[in-house]
Amino acid sequence: MRKNEGAGEVLGNVLKDFRLSQRLSQEELAFRAGVDRAFLSRVERGERSPSFDTLFSLSRALGISLTQLSQNIESRLGLLNEKDYPRQGS
């Protein structure tokens, strides 16, 4: 996490990283999630905060769970402890 980076910026960076890892454009992800491309761009830049419904739609469009999304955000914010989310099979 960059110094002074807030939760909204972290959320945007996590969404962008998942999107890029799947080689999706903002336009394609926005289409799949049923949101406006300009809105998605603002979310990725930390300028807008999506509703829960929108987060759910984005995570589904990315093929990830809300749990995966929130764990990545918490990890980048330094809030995630191994004891809070033990690895499967442990």
PDB file of N, CA and C in Angstrom:
ATOM      1  N   MET A   1       0.833  -1.169   0.000  1.00  0.00           N
ATOM      2  CA  MET A   1       0.000   0.000   0.000  1.00  0.00           C
ATOM      3  C   MET A   1       0.887   1.245   0.000  1.00  0.00           C
ATOM      4  N   ARG A   2       0.563   2.195  -0.857  1.00  0.00           N
ATOM      5  CA  ARG A   2       1.278   3.455  -0.878  1.00  0.00           C
ATOM      6  C   ARG A   2       0.895   4.290   0.327  1.00  0.00           C
ATOM      7  N   LYS A   3       1.828   5.103   0.777  1.00  0.00           N
ATOM      8  CA  LYS A   3       1.554   5.981   1.903  1.00  0.00           C
ATOM      9  C   LYS A   3       0.382   6.888   1.547  1.00  0.00           C
ATOM     10  N   ASN A   4      -0.510   7.101   2.483  1.00  0.00           N
ATOM     11  CA  ASN A   4      -1.689   7.947   2.318  1.00  0.00           C
ATOM     12  C   ASN A   4      -2.725   7.361   1.364  1.00  0.00           C
ATOM     13  N   GLU A   5      -2.597   6.105   1.018  1.00  0.00           N
ATOM     14  CA  GLU A   5      -3.577   5.468   0.144  1.00  0.00           C
ATOM     15  C   GLU A   5      -4.756   5.017   0.996  1.00  0.00           C
ATOM     16  N   GLY A   6      -5.959   5.480   0.653  1.00  0.00           N
ATOM     17  CA  GLY A   6      -7.141   5.139   1.412  1.00  0.00           C
ATOM     18  C   GLY A   6      -7.786   3.868   0.917  1.00  0.00           C
ATOM     19  N   ALA A   7      -8.816   3.450   1.621  1.00  0.00           N
ATOM     20  CA  ALA A   7      -9.505   2.209   1.275  1.00  0.00           C
ATOM     21  C   ALA A   7     -10.112   2.269  -0.121  1.00  0.00           C
ATOM     22  N   GLY A   8     -10.635   3.436  -0.513  1.00  0.00           N
ATOM     23  CA  GLY A   8     -11.210   3.567  -1.851  1.00  0.00           C
ATOM     24  C   GLY A   8     -10.176   3.380  -2.945  1.00  0.00           C
ATOM     25  N   GLU A   9      -8.997   3.930  -2.737  1.00  0.00           N
ATOM     26  CA  GLU A   9      -7.914   3.762  -3.710  1.00  0.00           C
ATOM     27  C   GLU A   9      -7.452   2.307  -3.760  1.00  0.00           C
ATOM     28  N   VAL A  10      -7.377   1.683  -2.594  1.00  0.00           N
ATOM     29  CA  VAL A  10      -6.975   0.277  -2.541  1.00  0.00           C
ATOM     30  C   VAL A  10      -8.010  -0.579  -3.272  1.00  0.00           C
ATOM     31  N   LEU A  11      -9.293  -0.335  -3.019  1.00  0.00           N
ATOM     32  CA  LEU A  11     -10.343  -1.062  -3.724  1.00  0.00           C
ATOM     33  C   LEU A  11     -10.162  -0.908  -5.226  1.00  0.00           C
ATOM     34  N   GLY A  12      -9.962   0.305  -5.685  1.00  0.00           N
ATOM     35  CA  GLY A  12      -9.778   0.550  -7.110  1.00  0.00           C
ATOM     36  C   GLY A  12      -8.584  -0.185  -7.676  1.00  0.00           C
ATOM     37  N   ASN A  13      -7.480  -0.173  -6.933  1.00  0.00           N
ATOM     38  CA  ASN A  13      -6.279  -0.873  -7.402  1.00  0.00           C
ATOM     39  C   ASN A  13      -6.475  -2.380  -7.441  1.00  0.00           C
ATOM     40  N   VAL A  14      -7.173  -2.921  -6.459  1.00  0.00           N
ATOM     41  CA  VAL A  14      -7.444  -4.361  -6.432  1.00  0.00           C
ATOM     42  C   VAL A  14      -8.326  -4.752  -7.618  1.00  0.00           C
ATOM     43  N   LEU A  15      -9.388  -3.981  -7.856  1.00  0.00           N
ATOM     44  CA  LEU A  15     -10.252  -4.270  -9.000  1.00  0.00           C
ATOM     45  C   LEU A  15      -9.470  -4.194 -10.308  1.00  0.00           C
ATOM     46  N   LYS A  16      -8.652  -3.163 -10.439  1.00  0.00           N
ATOM     47  CA  LYS A  16      -7.854  -3.003 -11.661  1.00  0.00           C
ATOM     48  C   LYS A  16      -6.893  -4.171 -11.839  1.00  0.00           C
ATOM     49  N   ASP A  17      -6.237  -4.586 -10.755  1.00  0.00           N
ATOM     50  CA  ASP A  17      -5.301  -5.709 -10.841  1.00  0.00           C
ATOM     51  C   ASP A  17      -6.009  -6.991 -11.282  1.00  0.00           C
ATOM     52  N   PHE A  18      -7.182  -7.268 -10.702  1.00  0.00           N
ATOM     53  CA  PHE A  18      -7.941  -8.447 -11.127  1.00  0.00           C
ATOM     54  C   PHE A  18      -8.340  -8.319 -12.591  1.00  0.00           C
ATOM     55  N   ARG A  19      -8.778  -7.134 -12.990  1.00  0.00           N
ATOM     56  CA  ARG A  19      -9.195  -6.915 -14.384  1.00  0.00           C
ATOM     57  C   ARG A  19      -8.033  -7.135 -15.337  1.00  0.00           C
ATOM     58  N   LEU A  20      -6.893  -6.554 -15.036  1.00  0.00           N
ATOM     59  CA  LEU A  20      -5.732  -6.689 -15.915  1.00  0.00           C
ATOM     60  C   LEU A  20      -5.204  -8.117 -15.944  1.00  0.00           C
ATOM     61  N   SER A  21      -5.283  -8.813 -14.808  1.00  0.00           N
ATOM     62  CA  SER A  21      -4.802 -10.196 -14.778  1.00  0.00           C
ATOM     63  C   SER A  21      -5.621 -11.095 -15.700  1.00  0.00           C
ATOM     64  N   GLN A  22      -6.836 -10.662 -15.988  1.00  0.00           N
ATOM     65  CA  GLN A  22      -7.710 -11.415 -16.892  1.00  0.00           C
ATOM     66  C   GLN A  22      -7.730 -10.804 -18.296  1.00  0.00           C
ATOM     67  N   ARG A  23      -6.842  -9.837 -18.485  1.00  0.00           N
ATOM     68  CA  ARG A  23      -6.719  -9.156 -19.778  1.00  0.00           C
ATOM     69  C   ARG A  23      -8.050  -8.573 -20.274  1.00  0.00           C
ATOM     70  N   LEU A  24      -8.789  -7.978 -19.344  1.00  0.00           N
ATOM     71  CA  LEU A  24     -10.054  -7.343 -19.684  1.00  0.00           C
ATOM     72  C   LEU A  24      -9.867  -5.838 -19.772  1.00  0.00           C
ATOM     73  N   SER A  25     -10.516  -5.223 -20.720  1.00  0.00           N
ATOM     74  CA  SER A  25     -10.541  -3.771 -20.786  1.00  0.00           C
ATOM     75  C   SER A  25     -11.574  -3.263 -19.781  1.00  0.00           C
ATOM     76  N   GLN A  26     -11.496  -1.979 -19.457  1.00  0.00           N
ATOM     77  CA  GLN A  26     -12.525  -1.395 -18.601  1.00  0.00           C
ATOM     78  C   GLN A  26     -13.886  -1.548 -19.265  1.00  0.00           C
ATOM     79  N   GLU A  27     -13.924  -1.358 -20.564  1.00  0.00           N
ATOM     80  CA  GLU A  27     -15.189  -1.444 -21.286  1.00  0.00           C
ATOM     81  C   GLU A  27     -15.797  -2.838 -21.183  1.00  0.00           C
ATOM     82  N   GLU A  28     -14.960  -3.874 -21.332  1.00  0.00           N
ATOM     83  CA  GLU A  28     -15.467  -5.249 -21.256  1.00  0.00           C
ATOM     84  C   GLU A  28     -15.952  -5.589 -19.853  1.00  0.00           C
ATOM     85  N   LEU A  29     -15.167  -5.219 -18.833  1.00  0.00           N
ATOM     86  CA  LEU A  29     -15.596  -5.505 -17.457  1.00  0.00           C
ATOM     87  C   LEU A  29     -16.874  -4.742 -17.131  1.00  0.00           C
ATOM     88  N   ALA A  30     -16.934  -3.482 -17.523  1.00  0.00           N
ATOM     89  CA  ALA A  30     -18.134  -2.682 -17.263  1.00  0.00           C
ATOM     90  C   ALA A  30     -19.351  -3.315 -17.926  1.00  0.00           C
ATOM     91  N   PHE A  31     -19.193  -3.775 -19.163  1.00  0.00           N
ATOM     92  CA  PHE A  31     -20.293  -4.429 -19.869  1.00  0.00           C
ATOM     93  C   PHE A  31     -20.745  -5.678 -19.129  1.00  0.00           C
ATOM     94  N   ARG A  32     -19.785  -6.522 -18.743  1.00  0.00           N
ATOM     95  CA  ARG A  32     -20.115  -7.764 -18.042  1.00  0.00           C
ATOM     96  C   ARG A  32     -20.808  -7.510 -16.708  1.00  0.00           C
ATOM     97  N   ALA A  33     -20.404  -6.425 -16.040  1.00  0.00           N
ATOM     98  CA  ALA A  33     -20.963  -6.116 -14.717  1.00  0.00           C
ATOM     99  C   ALA A  33     -22.210  -5.244 -14.800  1.00  0.00           C
ATOM    100  N   GLY A  34     -22.497  -4.719 -15.982  1.00  0.00           N
ATOM    101  CA  GLY A  34     -23.668  -3.869 -16.135  1.00  0.00           C
ATOM    102  C   GLY A  34     -23.509  -2.486 -15.531  1.00  0.00           C
ATOM    103  N   VAL A  35     -22.284  -1.958 -15.596  1.00  0.00           N
ATOM    104  CA  VAL A  35     -22.020  -0.608 -15.094  1.00  0.00           C
ATOM    105  C   VAL A  35     -21.431   0.238 -16.218  1.00  0.00           C
ATOM    106  N   ASP A  36     -21.442   1.530 -16.026  1.00  0.00           N
ATOM    107  CA  ASP A  36     -20.879   2.449 -17.004  1.00  0.00           C
ATOM    108  C   ASP A  36     -19.354   2.405 -16.951  1.00  0.00           C
ATOM    109  N   ARG A  37     -18.709   2.437 -18.128  1.00  0.00           N
ATOM    110  CA  ARG A  37     -17.251   2.380 -18.183  1.00  0.00           C
ATOM    111  C   ARG A  37     -16.619   3.561 -17.457  1.00  0.00           C
ATOM    112  N   ALA A  38     -17.179   4.738 -17.608  1.00  0.00           N
ATOM    113  CA  ALA A  38     -16.627   5.921 -16.938  1.00  0.00           C
ATOM    114  C   ALA A  38     -16.725   5.776 -15.415  1.00  0.00           C
ATOM    115  N   PHE A  39     -17.822   5.187 -14.944  1.00  0.00           N
ATOM    116  CA  PHE A  39     -17.963   4.939 -13.506  1.00  0.00           C
ATOM    117  C   PHE A  39     -16.889   3.969 -13.029  1.00  0.00           C
ATOM    118  N   LEU A  40     -16.677   2.887 -13.780  1.00  0.00           N
ATOM    119  CA  LEU A  40     -15.642   1.918 -13.409  1.00  0.00           C
ATOM    120  C   LEU A  40     -14.274   2.591 -13.355  1.00  0.00           C
ATOM    121  N   SER A  41     -13.995   3.450 -14.319  1.00  0.00           N
ATOM    122  CA  SER A  41     -12.728   4.178 -14.329  1.00  0.00           C
ATOM    123  C   SER A  41     -12.564   5.011 -13.058  1.00  0.00           C
ATOM    124  N   ARG A  42     -13.624   5.676 -12.643  1.00  0.00           N
ATOM    125  CA  ARG A  42     -13.564   6.480 -11.417  1.00  0.00           C
ATOM    126  C   ARG A  42     -13.380   5.608 -10.175  1.00  0.00           C
ATOM    127  N   VAL A  43     -14.009   4.438 -10.170  1.00  0.00           N
ATOM    128  CA  VAL A  43     -13.832   3.505  -9.051  1.00  0.00           C
ATOM    129  C   VAL A  43     -12.373   3.060  -8.997  1.00  0.00           C
ATOM    130  N   GLU A  44     -11.805   2.697 -10.137  1.00  0.00           N
ATOM    131  CA  GLU A  44     -10.414   2.240 -10.172  1.00  0.00           C
ATOM    132  C   GLU A  44      -9.442   3.327  -9.733  1.00  0.00           C
ATOM    133  N   ARG A  45      -9.802   4.568  -9.919  1.00  0.00           N
ATOM    134  CA  ARG A  45      -8.942   5.690  -9.496  1.00  0.00           C
ATOM    135  C   ARG A  45      -9.233   6.130  -8.063  1.00  0.00           C
ATOM    136  N   GLY A  46     -10.201   5.479  -7.410  1.00  0.00           N
ATOM    137  CA  GLY A  46     -10.536   5.820  -6.032  1.00  0.00           C
ATOM    138  C   GLY A  46     -11.368   7.079  -5.908  1.00  0.00           C
ATOM    139  N   GLU A  47     -11.977   7.514  -7.014  1.00  0.00           N
ATOM    140  CA  GLU A  47     -12.769   8.740  -7.006  1.00  0.00           C
ATOM    141  C   GLU A  47     -14.245   8.495  -6.697  1.00  0.00           C
ATOM    142  N   ARG A  48     -14.698   7.279  -6.862  1.00  0.00           N
ATOM    143  CA  ARG A  48     -16.093   6.913  -6.589  1.00  0.00           C
ATOM    144  C   ARG A  48     -16.109   5.652  -5.745  1.00  0.00           C
ATOM    145  N   SER A  49     -17.157   5.517  -4.944  1.00  0.00           N
ATOM    146  CA  SER A  49     -17.340   4.326  -4.119  1.00  0.00           C
ATOM    147  C   SER A  49     -18.546   3.560  -4.635  1.00  0.00           C
ATOM    148  N   PRO A  50     -18.338   2.326  -5.058  1.00  0.00           N
ATOM    149  CA  PRO A  50     -19.464   1.546  -5.580  1.00  0.00           C
ATOM    150  C   PRO A  50     -20.368   1.041  -4.462  1.00  0.00           C
ATOM    151  N   SER A  51     -21.634   0.840  -4.804  1.00  0.00           N
ATOM    152  CA  SER A  51     -22.575   0.248  -3.856  1.00  0.00           C
ATOM    153  C   SER A  51     -22.242  -1.232  -3.670  1.00  0.00           C
ATOM    154  N   PHE A  52     -22.857  -1.831  -2.679  1.00  0.00           N
ATOM    155  CA  PHE A  52     -22.667  -3.268  -2.454  1.00  0.00           C
ATOM    156  C   PHE A  52     -23.100  -4.061  -3.685  1.00  0.00           C
ATOM    157  N   ASP A  53     -24.246  -3.684  -4.256  1.00  0.00           N
ATOM    158  CA  ASP A  53     -24.731  -4.378  -5.459  1.00  0.00           C
ATOM    159  C   ASP A  53     -23.724  -4.289  -6.595  1.00  0.00           C
ATOM    160  N   THR A  54     -23.116  -3.116  -6.762  1.00  0.00           N
ATOM    161  CA  THR A  54     -22.123  -2.941  -7.819  1.00  0.00           C
ATOM    162  C   THR A  54     -20.872  -3.764  -7.537  1.00  0.00           C
ATOM    163  N   LEU A  55     -20.436  -3.787  -6.287  1.00  0.00           N
ATOM    164  CA  LEU A  55     -19.282  -4.629  -5.929  1.00  0.00           C
ATOM    165  C   LEU A  55     -19.571  -6.095  -6.232  1.00  0.00           C
ATOM    166  N   PHE A  56     -20.773  -6.512  -5.906  1.00  0.00           N
ATOM    167  CA  PHE A  56     -21.171  -7.895  -6.181  1.00  0.00           C
ATOM    168  C   PHE A  56     -21.140  -8.159  -7.687  1.00  0.00           C
ATOM    169  N   SER A  57     -21.675  -7.252  -8.472  1.00  0.00           N
ATOM    170  CA  SER A  57     -21.682  -7.410  -9.936  1.00  0.00           C
ATOM    171  C   SER A  57     -20.268  -7.433 -10.500  1.00  0.00           C
ATOM    172  N   LEU A  58     -19.405  -6.559  -9.999  1.00  0.00           N
ATOM    173  CA  LEU A  58     -18.022  -6.527 -10.475  1.00  0.00           C
ATOM    174  C   LEU A  58     -17.284  -7.807 -10.113  1.00  0.00           C
ATOM    175  N   SER A  59     -17.468  -8.271  -8.883  1.00  0.00           N
ATOM    176  CA  SER A  59     -16.773  -9.502  -8.478  1.00  0.00           C
ATOM    177  C   SER A  59     -17.256 -10.692  -9.302  1.00  0.00           C
ATOM    178  N   ARG A  60     -18.562 -10.767  -9.546  1.00  0.00           N
ATOM    179  CA  ARG A  60     -19.087 -11.857 -10.383  1.00  0.00           C
ATOM    180  C   ARG A  60     -18.539 -11.770 -11.797  1.00  0.00           C
ATOM    181  N   ALA A  61     -18.472 -10.563 -12.344  1.00  0.00           N
ATOM    182  CA  ALA A  61     -17.949 -10.373 -13.694  1.00  0.00           C
ATOM    183  C   ALA A  61     -16.475 -10.746 -13.783  1.00  0.00           C
ATOM    184  N   LEU A  62     -15.760 -10.608 -12.666  1.00  0.00           N
ATOM    185  CA  LEU A  62     -14.347 -10.991 -12.616  1.00  0.00           C
ATOM    186  C   LEU A  62     -14.155 -12.464 -12.267  1.00  0.00           C
ATOM    187  N   GLY A  63     -15.237 -13.137 -11.892  1.00  0.00           N
ATOM    188  CA  GLY A  63     -15.145 -14.548 -11.533  1.00  0.00           C
ATOM    189  C   GLY A  63     -14.522 -14.778 -10.173  1.00  0.00           C
ATOM    190  N   ILE A  64     -14.667 -13.788  -9.286  1.00  0.00           N
ATOM    191  CA  ILE A  64     -14.133 -13.921  -7.925  1.00  0.00           C
ATOM    192  C   ILE A  64     -15.268 -13.705  -6.936  1.00  0.00           C
ATOM    193  N   SER A  65     -15.057 -14.136  -5.703  1.00  0.00           N
ATOM    194  CA  SER A  65     -16.059 -13.928  -4.660  1.00  0.00           C
ATOM    195  C   SER A  65     -15.819 -12.581  -3.982  1.00  0.00           C
ATOM    196  N   LEU A  66     -16.846 -12.096  -3.314  1.00  0.00           N
ATOM    197  CA  LEU A  66     -16.672 -10.888  -2.508  1.00  0.00           C
ATOM    198  C   LEU A  66     -15.644 -11.116  -1.405  1.00  0.00           C
ATOM    199  N   THR A  67     -15.568 -12.349  -0.930  1.00  0.00           N
ATOM    200  CA  THR A  67     -14.568 -12.688   0.090  1.00  0.00           C
ATOM    201  C   THR A  67     -13.166 -12.493  -0.455  1.00  0.00           C
ATOM    202  N   GLN A  68     -12.914 -12.984  -1.671  1.00  0.00           N
ATOM    203  CA  GLN A  68     -11.593 -12.803  -2.280  1.00  0.00           C
ATOM    204  C   GLN A  68     -11.284 -11.322  -2.456  1.00  0.00           C
ATOM    205  N   LEU A  69     -12.265 -10.582  -2.908  1.00  0.00           N
ATOM    206  CA  LEU A  69     -12.081  -9.150  -3.104  1.00  0.00           C
ATOM    207  C   LEU A  69     -11.743  -8.466  -1.783  1.00  0.00           C
ATOM    208  N   SER A  70     -12.528  -8.744  -0.748  1.00  0.00           N
ATOM    209  CA  SER A  70     -12.294  -8.080   0.538  1.00  0.00           C
ATOM    210  C   SER A  70     -10.977  -8.526   1.177  1.00  0.00           C
ATOM    211  N   GLN A  71     -10.604  -9.788   1.017  1.00  0.00           N
ATOM    212  CA  GLN A  71      -9.327 -10.245   1.564  1.00  0.00           C
ATOM    213  C   GLN A  71      -8.155  -9.527   0.898  1.00  0.00           C
ATOM    214  N   ASN A  72      -8.238  -9.321  -0.410  1.00  0.00           N
ATOM    215  CA  ASN A  72      -7.182  -8.590  -1.101  1.00  0.00           C
ATOM    216  C   ASN A  72      -7.111  -7.146  -0.630  1.00  0.00           C
ATOM    217  N   ILE A  73      -8.244  -6.529  -0.434  1.00  0.00           N
ATOM    218  CA  ILE A  73      -8.278  -5.146   0.054  1.00  0.00           C
ATOM    219  C   ILE A  73      -7.693  -5.078   1.458  1.00  0.00           C
ATOM    220  N   GLU A  74      -8.151  -5.964   2.339  1.00  0.00           N
ATOM    221  CA  GLU A  74      -7.664  -5.968   3.722  1.00  0.00           C
ATOM    222  C   GLU A  74      -6.172  -6.246   3.779  1.00  0.00           C
ATOM    223  N   SER A  75      -5.703  -7.141   2.935  1.00  0.00           N
ATOM    224  CA  SER A  75      -4.284  -7.458   2.893  1.00  0.00           C
ATOM    225  C   SER A  75      -3.467  -6.222   2.521  1.00  0.00           C
ATOM    226  N   ARG A  76      -3.911  -5.511   1.516  1.00  0.00           N
ATOM    227  CA  ARG A  76      -3.186  -4.312   1.080  1.00  0.00           C
ATOM    228  C   ARG A  76      -3.261  -3.188   2.104  1.00  0.00           C
ATOM    229  N   LEU A  77      -4.328  -3.166   2.871  1.00  0.00           N
ATOM    230  CA  LEU A  77      -4.448  -2.157   3.921  1.00  0.00           C
ATOM    231  C   LEU A  77      -3.701  -2.565   5.194  1.00  0.00           C
ATOM    232  N   GLY A  78      -3.185  -3.788   5.206  1.00  0.00           N
ATOM    233  CA  GLY A  78      -2.481  -4.269   6.381  1.00  0.00           C
ATOM    234  C   GLY A  78      -3.395  -4.709   7.493  1.00  0.00           C
ATOM    235  N   LEU A  79      -4.649  -5.027   7.149  1.00  0.00           N
ATOM    236  CA  LEU A  79      -5.621  -5.423   8.163  1.00  0.00           C
ATOM    237  C   LEU A  79      -5.809  -6.925   8.260  1.00  0.00           C
ATOM    238  N   LEU A  80      -5.259  -7.644   7.317  1.00  0.00           N
ATOM    239  CA  LEU A  80      -5.489  -9.084   7.243  1.00  0.00           C
ATOM    240  C   LEU A  80      -4.398  -9.824   8.000  1.00  0.00           C
ATOM    241  N   ASN A  81      -4.815 -10.651   8.934  1.00  0.00           N
ATOM    242  CA  ASN A  81      -3.887 -11.490   9.681  1.00  0.00           C
ATOM    243  C   ASN A  81      -4.111 -12.930   9.280  1.00  0.00           C
ATOM    244  N   GLU A  82      -3.054 -13.697   9.216  1.00  0.00           N
ATOM    245  CA  GLU A  82      -3.138 -15.111   8.860  1.00  0.00           C
ATOM    246  C   GLU A  82      -4.117 -15.845   9.769  1.00  0.00           C
ATOM    247  N   LYS A  83      -4.133 -15.503  11.058  1.00  0.00           N
ATOM    248  CA  LYS A  83      -5.017 -16.202  11.988  1.00  0.00           C
ATOM    249  C   LYS A  83      -6.490 -15.894  11.728  1.00  0.00           C
ATOM    250  N   ASP A  84      -6.757 -14.730  11.108  1.00  0.00           N
ATOM    251  CA  ASP A  84      -8.139 -14.370  10.791  1.00  0.00           C
ATOM    252  C   ASP A  84      -8.701 -15.194   9.648  1.00  0.00           C
ATOM    253  N   TYR A  85      -7.857 -15.509   8.676  1.00  0.00           N
ATOM    254  CA  TYR A  85      -8.274 -16.257   7.495  1.00  0.00           C
ATOM    255  C   TYR A  85      -7.277 -17.382   7.242  1.00  0.00           C
ATOM    256  N   PRO A  86      -7.355 -18.461   8.001  1.00  0.00           N
ATOM    257  CA  PRO A  86      -6.388 -19.541   7.802  1.00  0.00           C
ATOM    258  C   PRO A  86      -6.531 -20.128   6.393  1.00  0.00           C
ATOM    259  N   ARG A  87      -5.425 -20.591   5.876  1.00  0.00           N
ATOM    260  CA  ARG A  87      -5.452 -21.211   4.560  1.00  0.00           C
ATOM    261  C   ARG A  87      -6.270 -22.475   4.593  1.00  0.00           C
ATOM    262  N   GLN A  88      -6.908 -22.759   3.479  1.00  0.00           N
ATOM    263  CA  GLN A  88      -7.715 -23.982   3.404  1.00  0.00           C
ATOM    264  C   GLN A  88      -6.786 -25.181   3.579  1.00  0.00           C
ATOM    265  N   GLY A  89      -7.279 -26.154   4.289  1.00  0.00           N
ATOM    266  CA  GLY A  89      -6.503 -27.360   4.532  1.00  0.00           C
ATOM    267  C   GLY A  89      -5.651 -27.262   5.779  1.00  0.00           C
ATOM    268  N   SER A  90      -5.668 -26.117   6.456  1.00  0.00           N
ATOM    269  CA  SER A  90      -4.863 -25.947   7.679  1.00  0.00           C
ATOM    270  C   SER A  90      -5.626 -26.463   8.876  1.00  0.00           C
TER     271      SER A  90
END
